[in-house]
Amino acid sequence: MQSGWKLGRAALKSLARTQRPITARDLVPDMAQKGVDIRIGLDIAWISLKRLVDLLVLVTGDSDFVPVMKFARKEGLKVYLETMGHGVRRELKAHADFVL
C-alpha cells in the first residue's frame, strides 16, 4: 500500500552534497504494510470456521496473532508456530501446539 512519497537514497546523498531544488525525480513511493495482520487474521478465522484444514503453520514473531491462534485452536485446528529463529514473546509460543 502506498502511503505517500519520500526522498530516495540517491536524492538524499545528492542534497547532502549540494544545495538544489527538489525535483519529481528525487521522490519515490513510500510503501507501508497497513492492515495486513487483520487480513491474515480474518483469513485464519474463515479457514478455521469452514474447517478447510486440520493444521495451520503460522510463520511470525508478532504477538498480535495470539487472539487468532486461540480462536483457531478453539475451532479444533492444530497451530504450529515458526519464528524463523527470532526471539518472540512467551505468550505467542504458549498459544501454539508446537513451535518449529
N, C-alpha and C. Protein backbone atom coordinates (compact mmCIF):
# COMPACT_ATOMS: atom_id res chain seq x y z
N MET A 1 0.84 -1.16 0.00
CA MET A 1 0.00 0.00 0.00
C MET A 1 0.89 1.24 0.00
N GLN A 2 0.61 2.17 -0.86
CA GLN A 2 1.38 3.40 -0.92
C GLN A 2 0.75 4.41 0.02
N SER A 3 1.58 4.98 0.90
CA SER A 3 1.04 5.96 1.84
C SER A 3 1.53 7.37 1.57
N GLY A 4 2.29 7.57 0.51
CA GLY A 4 2.78 8.90 0.18
C GLY A 4 4.09 8.82 -0.57
N TRP A 5 4.87 9.88 -0.47
CA TRP A 5 6.14 9.98 -1.17
C TRP A 5 7.23 10.38 -0.19
N LYS A 6 8.47 9.98 -0.50
CA LYS A 6 9.62 10.37 0.31
C LYS A 6 10.82 10.56 -0.62
N LEU A 7 11.86 11.17 -0.07
CA LEU A 7 13.09 11.35 -0.85
C LEU A 7 13.81 10.01 -0.97
N GLY A 8 14.28 9.71 -2.15
CA GLY A 8 15.04 8.49 -2.37
C GLY A 8 16.45 8.62 -1.81
N ARG A 9 17.14 7.48 -1.70
CA ARG A 9 18.51 7.48 -1.15
C ARG A 9 19.46 8.34 -1.97
N ALA A 10 19.39 8.18 -3.29
CA ALA A 10 20.29 8.96 -4.16
C ALA A 10 20.03 10.45 -3.99
N ALA A 11 18.78 10.83 -3.88
CA ALA A 11 18.44 12.24 -3.70
C ALA A 11 18.97 12.77 -2.38
N LEU A 12 18.83 11.96 -1.33
CA LEU A 12 19.33 12.38 -0.01
C LEU A 12 20.84 12.62 -0.06
N LYS A 13 21.58 11.72 -0.71
CA LYS A 13 23.03 11.88 -0.82
C LYS A 13 23.38 13.12 -1.64
N SER A 14 22.68 13.29 -2.74
CA SER A 14 22.92 14.43 -3.62
C SER A 14 22.63 15.75 -2.90
N LEU A 15 21.52 15.79 -2.19
CA LEU A 15 21.14 17.02 -1.48
C LEU A 15 22.08 17.32 -0.31
N ALA A 16 22.67 16.27 0.27
CA ALA A 16 23.64 16.48 1.35
C ALA A 16 24.93 17.11 0.81
N ARG A 17 25.26 16.79 -0.46
CA ARG A 17 26.48 17.33 -1.07
C ARG A 17 26.27 18.73 -1.63
N THR A 18 25.12 18.94 -2.26
CA THR A 18 24.87 20.20 -2.97
C THR A 18 23.45 20.68 -2.71
N GLN A 19 23.34 21.95 -2.34
CA GLN A 19 22.01 22.52 -2.16
C GLN A 19 21.40 22.78 -3.53
N ARG A 20 20.19 22.24 -3.74
CA ARG A 20 19.49 22.39 -5.02
C ARG A 20 18.01 22.18 -4.78
N PRO A 21 17.18 22.59 -5.73
CA PRO A 21 15.74 22.35 -5.59
C PRO A 21 15.43 20.85 -5.71
N ILE A 22 14.42 20.42 -5.00
CA ILE A 22 13.96 19.03 -5.09
C ILE A 22 13.08 18.90 -6.34
N THR A 23 13.31 17.83 -7.09
CA THR A 23 12.54 17.58 -8.31
C THR A 23 11.71 16.32 -8.14
N ALA A 24 10.81 16.09 -9.06
CA ALA A 24 9.97 14.90 -9.03
C ALA A 24 10.81 13.63 -9.10
N ARG A 25 11.95 13.70 -9.78
CA ARG A 25 12.82 12.52 -9.91
C ARG A 25 13.44 12.12 -8.57
N ASP A 26 13.47 13.05 -7.60
CA ASP A 26 14.04 12.76 -6.28
C ASP A 26 13.09 11.94 -5.40
N LEU A 27 11.83 11.91 -5.77
CA LEU A 27 10.82 11.28 -4.93
C LEU A 27 10.57 9.83 -5.32
N VAL A 28 10.35 9.01 -4.31
CA VAL A 28 10.00 7.60 -4.52
C VAL A 28 8.75 7.30 -3.69
N PRO A 29 7.95 6.30 -4.09
CA PRO A 29 6.75 5.97 -3.30
C PRO A 29 7.13 5.49 -1.90
N ASP A 30 6.38 5.90 -0.93
CA ASP A 30 6.56 5.46 0.45
C ASP A 30 5.59 4.31 0.68
N MET A 31 6.12 3.10 0.63
CA MET A 31 5.29 1.90 0.74
C MET A 31 5.22 1.46 2.21
N ALA A 32 4.04 1.06 2.65
CA ALA A 32 3.85 0.59 4.02
C ALA A 32 2.82 -0.52 4.04
N GLN A 33 3.01 -1.45 4.95
CA GLN A 33 2.02 -2.51 5.13
C GLN A 33 1.06 -2.06 6.21
N LYS A 34 -0.18 -1.85 5.82
CA LYS A 34 -1.18 -1.45 6.81
C LYS A 34 -2.35 -2.41 6.71
N GLY A 35 -2.75 -2.91 7.85
CA GLY A 35 -3.91 -3.79 7.87
C GLY A 35 -3.63 -5.21 7.44
N VAL A 36 -2.35 -5.54 7.24
CA VAL A 36 -2.02 -6.90 6.79
C VAL A 36 -2.36 -7.92 7.87
N ASP A 37 -2.01 -7.61 9.13
CA ASP A 37 -2.27 -8.55 10.23
C ASP A 37 -3.76 -8.88 10.33
N ILE A 38 -4.60 -7.87 10.22
CA ILE A 38 -6.04 -8.11 10.36
C ILE A 38 -6.55 -8.96 9.21
N ARG A 39 -6.02 -8.75 8.01
CA ARG A 39 -6.45 -9.56 6.86
C ARG A 39 -6.03 -11.02 7.03
N ILE A 40 -4.81 -11.23 7.51
CA ILE A 40 -4.35 -12.60 7.76
C ILE A 40 -5.20 -13.23 8.85
N GLY A 41 -5.48 -12.47 9.91
CA GLY A 41 -6.31 -12.98 11.00
C GLY A 41 -7.70 -13.37 10.52
N LEU A 42 -8.29 -12.55 9.66
CA LEU A 42 -9.62 -12.87 9.11
C LEU A 42 -9.56 -14.13 8.25
N ASP A 43 -8.51 -14.27 7.47
CA ASP A 43 -8.35 -15.49 6.65
C ASP A 43 -8.24 -16.73 7.54
N ILE A 44 -7.47 -16.62 8.60
CA ILE A 44 -7.31 -17.77 9.52
C ILE A 44 -8.64 -18.10 10.18
N ALA A 45 -9.38 -17.08 10.61
CA ALA A 45 -10.69 -17.32 11.23
C ALA A 45 -11.63 -18.00 10.25
N TRP A 46 -11.65 -17.52 9.00
CA TRP A 46 -12.53 -18.10 7.97
C TRP A 46 -12.14 -19.56 7.70
N ILE A 47 -10.85 -19.82 7.56
CA ILE A 47 -10.37 -21.19 7.33
C ILE A 47 -10.76 -22.09 8.50
N SER A 48 -10.65 -21.55 9.71
CA SER A 48 -10.98 -22.33 10.90
C SER A 48 -12.47 -22.67 10.95
N LEU A 49 -13.31 -21.66 10.69
CA LEU A 49 -14.76 -21.88 10.74
C LEU A 49 -15.23 -22.83 9.65
N LYS A 50 -14.63 -22.75 8.48
CA LYS A 50 -15.01 -23.62 7.36
C LYS A 50 -14.38 -25.00 7.46
N ARG A 51 -13.47 -25.16 8.43
CA ARG A 51 -12.76 -26.43 8.64
C ARG A 51 -12.09 -26.91 7.34
N LEU A 52 -11.41 -25.99 6.70
CA LEU A 52 -10.74 -26.30 5.44
C LEU A 52 -9.43 -27.03 5.62
N VAL A 53 -8.83 -26.89 6.80
CA VAL A 53 -7.56 -27.56 7.10
C VAL A 53 -7.62 -28.10 8.53
N ASP A 54 -6.70 -28.98 8.82
CA ASP A 54 -6.57 -29.51 10.19
C ASP A 54 -5.39 -28.88 10.92
N LEU A 55 -4.44 -28.36 10.14
CA LEU A 55 -3.19 -27.85 10.70
C LEU A 55 -2.86 -26.51 10.08
N LEU A 56 -2.49 -25.56 10.91
CA LEU A 56 -2.10 -24.23 10.47
C LEU A 56 -0.66 -24.01 10.88
N VAL A 57 0.18 -23.61 9.93
CA VAL A 57 1.56 -23.23 10.25
C VAL A 57 1.65 -21.73 10.08
N LEU A 58 1.90 -21.04 11.17
CA LEU A 58 1.98 -19.59 11.17
C LEU A 58 3.44 -19.19 11.32
N VAL A 59 3.95 -18.47 10.34
CA VAL A 59 5.34 -18.01 10.35
C VAL A 59 5.32 -16.54 10.78
N THR A 60 5.63 -16.31 12.03
CA THR A 60 5.58 -14.95 12.57
C THR A 60 6.32 -14.86 13.89
N GLY A 61 6.58 -13.66 14.29
CA GLY A 61 7.09 -13.37 15.62
C GLY A 61 6.22 -12.31 16.26
N ASP A 62 5.11 -12.01 15.62
CA ASP A 62 4.22 -10.93 16.02
C ASP A 62 3.14 -11.44 16.98
N SER A 63 3.16 -10.94 18.20
CA SER A 63 2.19 -11.41 19.20
C SER A 63 0.78 -10.88 18.93
N ASP A 64 0.61 -10.04 17.92
CA ASP A 64 -0.74 -9.62 17.53
C ASP A 64 -1.57 -10.80 17.03
N PHE A 65 -0.91 -11.91 16.69
CA PHE A 65 -1.63 -13.08 16.18
C PHE A 65 -2.15 -14.00 17.29
N VAL A 66 -1.86 -13.69 18.55
CA VAL A 66 -2.31 -14.54 19.66
C VAL A 66 -3.82 -14.75 19.65
N PRO A 67 -4.65 -13.71 19.52
CA PRO A 67 -6.10 -13.95 19.54
C PRO A 67 -6.58 -14.90 18.44
N VAL A 68 -6.04 -14.76 17.24
CA VAL A 68 -6.49 -15.65 16.17
C VAL A 68 -5.93 -17.06 16.35
N MET A 69 -4.77 -17.18 16.98
CA MET A 69 -4.24 -18.51 17.30
C MET A 69 -5.16 -19.21 18.29
N LYS A 70 -5.60 -18.47 19.32
CA LYS A 70 -6.53 -19.02 20.30
C LYS A 70 -7.82 -19.46 19.61
N PHE A 71 -8.32 -18.60 18.72
CA PHE A 71 -9.56 -18.90 18.01
C PHE A 71 -9.42 -20.16 17.18
N ALA A 72 -8.35 -20.26 16.42
CA ALA A 72 -8.14 -21.44 15.57
C ALA A 72 -8.06 -22.71 16.40
N ARG A 73 -7.37 -22.65 17.53
CA ARG A 73 -7.26 -23.83 18.39
C ARG A 73 -8.62 -24.21 18.98
N LYS A 74 -9.42 -23.20 19.37
CA LYS A 74 -10.75 -23.49 19.90
C LYS A 74 -11.64 -24.14 18.85
N GLU A 75 -11.38 -23.82 17.58
CA GLU A 75 -12.14 -24.41 16.47
C GLU A 75 -11.59 -25.77 16.05
N GLY A 76 -10.57 -26.24 16.75
CA GLY A 76 -10.06 -27.59 16.51
C GLY A 76 -8.83 -27.72 15.64
N LEU A 77 -8.26 -26.61 15.19
CA LEU A 77 -7.05 -26.68 14.38
C LEU A 77 -5.83 -26.86 15.25
N LYS A 78 -4.85 -27.56 14.74
CA LYS A 78 -3.53 -27.61 15.36
C LYS A 78 -2.79 -26.40 14.82
N VAL A 79 -2.14 -25.65 15.70
CA VAL A 79 -1.41 -24.45 15.29
C VAL A 79 0.07 -24.65 15.57
N TYR A 80 0.85 -24.67 14.50
CA TYR A 80 2.29 -24.75 14.61
C TYR A 80 2.85 -23.35 14.37
N LEU A 81 3.88 -23.01 15.13
CA LEU A 81 4.49 -21.69 15.03
C LEU A 81 5.93 -21.81 14.56
N GLU A 82 6.27 -21.07 13.53
CA GLU A 82 7.65 -20.98 13.05
C GLU A 82 8.09 -19.54 13.25
N THR A 83 9.11 -19.32 14.06
CA THR A 83 9.57 -17.97 14.37
C THR A 83 10.82 -17.58 13.59
N MET A 84 11.30 -18.45 12.74
CA MET A 84 12.49 -18.20 11.93
C MET A 84 13.69 -17.85 12.82
N GLY A 85 13.73 -18.42 14.01
CA GLY A 85 14.85 -18.23 14.92
C GLY A 85 14.86 -16.91 15.67
N HIS A 86 13.83 -16.12 15.51
CA HIS A 86 13.77 -14.83 16.20
C HIS A 86 13.19 -15.02 17.60
N GLY A 87 13.63 -14.20 18.52
CA GLY A 87 13.06 -14.21 19.85
C GLY A 87 11.63 -13.68 19.80
N VAL A 88 10.73 -14.35 20.49
CA VAL A 88 9.34 -13.92 20.50
C VAL A 88 8.82 -13.94 21.93
N ARG A 89 7.73 -13.26 22.15
CA ARG A 89 7.12 -13.24 23.48
C ARG A 89 6.62 -14.63 23.85
N ARG A 90 6.76 -14.95 25.10
CA ARG A 90 6.36 -16.26 25.62
C ARG A 90 4.89 -16.55 25.31
N GLU A 91 4.05 -15.51 25.35
CA GLU A 91 2.62 -15.65 25.10
C GLU A 91 2.35 -16.23 23.71
N LEU A 92 3.15 -15.84 22.72
CA LEU A 92 2.97 -16.34 21.37
C LEU A 92 3.24 -17.84 21.32
N LYS A 93 4.32 -18.26 21.95
CA LYS A 93 4.65 -19.69 21.98
C LYS A 93 3.63 -20.48 22.78
N ALA A 94 3.09 -19.87 23.82
CA ALA A 94 2.14 -20.57 24.69
C ALA A 94 0.85 -20.95 23.97
N HIS A 95 0.51 -20.23 22.91
CA HIS A 95 -0.74 -20.50 22.22
C HIS A 95 -0.54 -21.30 20.93
N ALA A 96 0.63 -21.88 20.79
CA ALA A 96 0.90 -22.77 19.67
C ALA A 96 0.90 -24.20 20.20
N ASP A 97 0.46 -25.13 19.36
CA ASP A 97 0.54 -26.54 19.75
C ASP A 97 1.96 -27.06 19.64
N PHE A 98 2.72 -26.46 18.72
CA PHE A 98 4.08 -26.90 18.50
C PHE A 98 4.87 -25.73 17.93
N VAL A 99 6.08 -25.52 18.46
CA VAL A 99 6.96 -24.47 17.93
C VAL A 99 8.05 -25.15 17.12
N LEU A 100 8.11 -24.80 15.86
CA LEU A 100 9.10 -25.41 14.95
C LEU A 100 10.46 -24.79 15.15
